N, C-alpha and C. Protein backbone atom coordinates (compact mmCIF):
# COMPACT_ATOMS: atom_id res chain seq x y z
N MET A 1 161.27 247.24 255.00
CA MET A 1 160.57 246.33 254.12
C MET A 1 159.60 247.13 253.28
N VAL A 2 159.62 246.89 252.00
CA VAL A 2 158.70 247.55 251.09
C VAL A 2 157.95 246.49 250.33
N MET A 3 156.63 246.54 250.40
CA MET A 3 155.81 245.57 249.68
C MET A 3 155.40 246.18 248.36
N CYS A 4 155.40 245.37 247.33
CA CYS A 4 155.02 245.83 246.01
C CYS A 4 153.77 245.10 245.57
N TYR A 5 152.96 245.80 244.81
CA TYR A 5 151.76 245.22 244.26
C TYR A 5 151.82 245.36 242.75
N ASP A 6 151.41 244.34 242.05
CA ASP A 6 151.43 244.33 240.60
C ASP A 6 150.11 244.87 240.10
N ASP A 7 150.15 246.01 239.41
CA ASP A 7 148.95 246.64 238.87
C ASP A 7 148.76 246.31 237.39
N SER A 8 149.46 245.31 236.90
CA SER A 8 149.38 245.01 235.48
C SER A 8 148.03 244.43 235.12
N GLN A 9 147.67 244.60 233.87
CA GLN A 9 146.43 244.03 233.38
C GLN A 9 146.63 242.54 233.17
N THR A 10 145.57 241.79 233.25
CA THR A 10 145.67 240.35 233.11
C THR A 10 145.50 239.91 231.67
N SER A 11 145.37 240.83 230.73
CA SER A 11 145.19 240.46 229.33
C SER A 11 146.48 239.88 228.78
N GLU A 12 146.34 239.11 227.73
CA GLU A 12 147.49 238.47 227.12
C GLU A 12 148.42 239.48 226.47
N SER A 13 147.92 240.66 226.11
CA SER A 13 148.74 241.66 225.43
C SER A 13 149.74 242.35 226.36
N ALA A 14 149.56 242.25 227.67
CA ALA A 14 150.46 242.91 228.61
C ALA A 14 151.76 242.12 228.71
N SER A 15 152.87 242.76 228.42
CA SER A 15 154.16 242.10 228.53
C SER A 15 154.79 242.46 229.86
N PRO A 16 155.81 241.70 230.30
CA PRO A 16 156.44 242.00 231.59
C PRO A 16 157.02 243.42 231.64
N GLN A 17 157.45 243.97 230.50
CA GLN A 17 158.00 245.31 230.50
C GLN A 17 156.93 246.37 230.75
N GLN A 18 155.66 246.07 230.51
CA GLN A 18 154.59 247.04 230.67
C GLN A 18 153.97 247.02 232.06
N LYS A 19 154.41 246.14 232.93
CA LYS A 19 153.83 246.04 234.27
C LYS A 19 154.14 247.31 235.06
N LYS A 20 153.16 247.78 235.78
CA LYS A 20 153.34 248.92 236.67
C LYS A 20 153.49 248.38 238.08
N ILE A 21 154.54 248.74 238.74
CA ILE A 21 154.76 248.34 240.12
C ILE A 21 154.42 249.54 241.01
N ARG A 22 153.54 249.32 241.97
CA ARG A 22 153.12 250.37 242.90
C ARG A 22 153.61 249.98 244.28
N LEU A 23 154.33 250.85 244.94
CA LEU A 23 154.83 250.58 246.28
C LEU A 23 153.76 250.88 247.31
N ASP A 24 153.71 250.07 248.34
CA ASP A 24 152.78 250.29 249.43
C ASP A 24 153.32 251.44 250.30
N PRO A 25 152.62 252.57 250.37
CA PRO A 25 153.15 253.71 251.12
C PRO A 25 153.22 253.48 252.63
N PHE A 26 152.59 252.43 253.13
CA PHE A 26 152.60 252.16 254.56
C PHE A 26 153.43 250.93 254.92
N ALA A 27 154.12 250.34 253.97
CA ALA A 27 154.84 249.10 254.21
C ALA A 27 155.92 249.24 255.27
N GLU A 28 156.62 250.37 255.29
CA GLU A 28 157.73 250.51 256.24
C GLU A 28 157.28 250.82 257.66
N LEU A 29 156.00 251.05 257.87
CA LEU A 29 155.52 251.36 259.22
C LEU A 29 155.74 250.21 260.18
N CYS A 30 155.55 249.03 259.70
CA CYS A 30 155.83 247.84 260.52
C CYS A 30 157.13 247.26 259.98
N ASP A 31 158.24 247.73 260.50
CA ASP A 31 159.55 247.41 259.96
C ASP A 31 159.99 246.02 260.38
N CYS A 32 159.30 245.02 259.84
CA CYS A 32 159.62 243.64 260.15
C CYS A 32 160.10 242.97 258.87
N PRO A 33 161.35 242.50 258.84
CA PRO A 33 161.85 241.90 257.61
C PRO A 33 161.10 240.63 257.24
N SER A 34 160.93 240.44 255.97
CA SER A 34 160.23 239.27 255.47
C SER A 34 160.73 238.95 254.07
N ILE A 35 160.99 237.69 253.82
CA ILE A 35 161.45 237.27 252.50
C ILE A 35 160.28 237.26 251.52
N SER A 36 159.12 236.88 251.97
CA SER A 36 157.96 236.73 251.08
C SER A 36 157.27 238.04 250.75
N GLY A 37 157.60 239.11 251.46
CA GLY A 37 156.90 240.38 251.25
C GLY A 37 155.66 240.49 252.12
N GLN A 38 155.33 239.46 252.85
CA GLN A 38 154.18 239.46 253.75
C GLN A 38 154.67 239.76 255.16
N PRO A 39 153.85 240.40 255.98
CA PRO A 39 154.26 240.68 257.36
C PRO A 39 154.53 239.38 258.13
N THR A 40 155.52 239.43 259.00
CA THR A 40 155.82 238.27 259.83
C THR A 40 154.82 238.19 260.98
N GLU A 41 154.81 237.06 261.66
CA GLU A 41 153.88 236.89 262.78
C GLU A 41 154.16 237.90 263.89
N ASP A 42 155.45 238.20 264.16
CA ASP A 42 155.79 239.18 265.19
C ASP A 42 155.26 240.57 264.83
N CYS A 43 155.39 240.92 263.57
CA CYS A 43 154.90 242.22 263.09
C CYS A 43 153.39 242.30 263.24
N THR A 44 152.71 241.27 262.80
CA THR A 44 151.25 241.22 262.90
C THR A 44 150.82 241.27 264.36
N ALA A 45 151.55 240.58 265.23
CA ALA A 45 151.21 240.57 266.65
C ALA A 45 151.37 241.96 267.26
N SER A 46 152.42 242.70 266.87
CA SER A 46 152.61 244.04 267.45
C SER A 46 151.52 244.99 266.99
N VAL A 47 151.09 244.86 265.75
CA VAL A 47 149.99 245.70 265.26
C VAL A 47 148.70 245.33 265.99
N GLN A 48 148.45 244.06 266.14
CA GLN A 48 147.24 243.61 266.84
C GLN A 48 147.25 244.08 268.30
N GLN A 49 148.42 244.09 268.93
CA GLN A 49 148.51 244.56 270.32
C GLN A 49 148.20 246.05 270.40
N GLU A 50 148.71 246.82 269.44
CA GLU A 50 148.38 248.26 269.42
C GLU A 50 146.89 248.48 269.27
N ILE A 51 146.27 247.72 268.38
CA ILE A 51 144.82 247.86 268.15
C ILE A 51 144.04 247.50 269.41
N THR A 52 144.43 246.42 270.07
CA THR A 52 143.76 245.99 271.30
C THR A 52 143.88 247.07 272.37
N ASN A 53 145.08 247.62 272.54
CA ASN A 53 145.29 248.67 273.54
C ASN A 53 144.51 249.93 273.17
N TYR A 54 144.48 250.27 271.90
CA TYR A 54 143.76 251.46 271.44
C TYR A 54 142.27 251.34 271.73
N LYS A 55 141.71 250.16 271.52
CA LYS A 55 140.28 249.96 271.76
C LYS A 55 139.90 250.12 273.22
N SER A 56 140.87 249.98 274.12
CA SER A 56 140.57 250.12 275.54
C SER A 56 140.68 251.57 276.03
N LEU A 57 141.14 252.48 275.16
CA LEU A 57 141.23 253.90 275.53
C LEU A 57 139.86 254.53 275.64
N LYS A 58 139.80 255.57 276.47
CA LYS A 58 138.59 256.38 276.57
C LYS A 58 138.45 257.18 275.28
N VAL A 59 137.25 257.25 274.75
CA VAL A 59 136.99 257.99 273.51
C VAL A 59 137.15 259.48 273.79
N PRO A 60 138.02 260.16 272.99
CA PRO A 60 138.19 261.59 273.21
C PRO A 60 136.97 262.36 272.70
N PRO A 61 136.76 263.58 273.19
CA PRO A 61 135.63 264.38 272.72
C PRO A 61 135.73 264.63 271.21
N ALA A 62 134.60 264.76 270.57
CA ALA A 62 134.57 264.98 269.12
C ALA A 62 135.23 266.30 268.74
N SER A 63 135.25 267.23 269.65
CA SER A 63 135.84 268.54 269.37
C SER A 63 137.37 268.55 269.47
N SER A 64 137.97 267.45 269.93
CA SER A 64 139.43 267.42 270.09
C SER A 64 140.13 267.29 268.74
N ASN A 65 141.39 267.70 268.71
CA ASN A 65 142.20 267.65 267.50
C ASN A 65 142.84 266.27 267.39
N PRO A 66 142.56 265.51 266.34
CA PRO A 66 143.12 264.16 266.22
C PRO A 66 144.64 264.15 266.10
N LEU A 67 145.22 265.17 265.49
CA LEU A 67 146.68 265.20 265.38
C LEU A 67 147.33 265.39 266.75
N GLN A 68 146.71 266.18 267.60
CA GLN A 68 147.23 266.35 268.96
C GLN A 68 147.08 265.05 269.74
N PHE A 69 145.96 264.34 269.52
CA PHE A 69 145.76 263.05 270.19
C PHE A 69 146.89 262.09 269.83
N TRP A 70 147.20 261.97 268.53
CA TRP A 70 148.23 261.03 268.10
C TRP A 70 149.62 261.48 268.51
N GLU A 71 149.86 262.79 268.60
CA GLU A 71 151.14 263.27 269.08
C GLU A 71 151.33 262.88 270.55
N LYS A 72 150.26 262.95 271.32
CA LYS A 72 150.30 262.58 272.74
C LYS A 72 150.52 261.06 272.91
N HIS A 73 149.99 260.25 272.00
CA HIS A 73 150.04 258.79 272.14
C HIS A 73 151.05 258.11 271.22
N VAL A 74 152.01 258.87 270.69
CA VAL A 74 152.97 258.31 269.74
C VAL A 74 153.85 257.21 270.35
N THR A 75 154.19 257.32 271.63
CA THR A 75 155.06 256.30 272.24
C THR A 75 154.32 254.99 272.47
N GLY A 76 153.05 255.06 272.80
CA GLY A 76 152.28 253.84 273.04
C GLY A 76 151.74 253.18 271.79
N TYR A 77 151.60 253.98 270.73
CA TYR A 77 151.01 253.48 269.49
C TYR A 77 151.82 253.99 268.29
N PRO A 78 153.06 253.57 268.15
CA PRO A 78 153.91 254.14 267.10
C PRO A 78 153.42 253.86 265.68
N ILE A 79 152.94 252.68 265.41
CA ILE A 79 152.48 252.34 264.06
C ILE A 79 151.18 253.05 263.75
N MET A 80 150.23 253.00 264.67
CA MET A 80 148.93 253.64 264.44
C MET A 80 149.08 255.16 264.37
N SER A 81 149.95 255.75 265.19
CA SER A 81 150.08 257.21 265.18
C SER A 81 150.72 257.68 263.87
N GLU A 82 151.69 256.95 263.36
CA GLU A 82 152.29 257.32 262.07
C GLU A 82 151.28 257.18 260.94
N THR A 83 150.49 256.14 260.98
CA THR A 83 149.44 255.94 259.97
C THR A 83 148.43 257.08 260.02
N ALA A 84 148.00 257.43 261.23
CA ALA A 84 147.03 258.51 261.40
C ALA A 84 147.59 259.84 260.91
N ARG A 85 148.85 260.11 261.23
CA ARG A 85 149.46 261.37 260.77
C ARG A 85 149.54 261.42 259.25
N ARG A 86 149.82 260.31 258.62
CA ARG A 86 149.86 260.29 257.15
C ARG A 86 148.47 260.50 256.54
N LEU A 87 147.49 259.91 257.16
CA LEU A 87 146.12 260.02 256.62
C LEU A 87 145.49 261.36 256.93
N LEU A 88 145.81 261.93 258.08
CA LEU A 88 145.22 263.20 258.47
C LEU A 88 146.01 264.37 257.91
């Protein structure tokens, strides 16, 4: 699933041919099909469950490598670990 956002200006001079479509670089992380382009309830629930589980983890030391942390936790947090790897 790829979500698109319309970056076109709202002025009357902007024609449909001038619209810029920007793809969401993180849309495919939660691979839940949707007709509307919005995440489904199941997709949202899986992300919320990852967040809830993540919040219950012990905080790693500040000196630890975040990429190593996410590599270690990739099976338990697949969406969050992919997001972290892209951002880091």
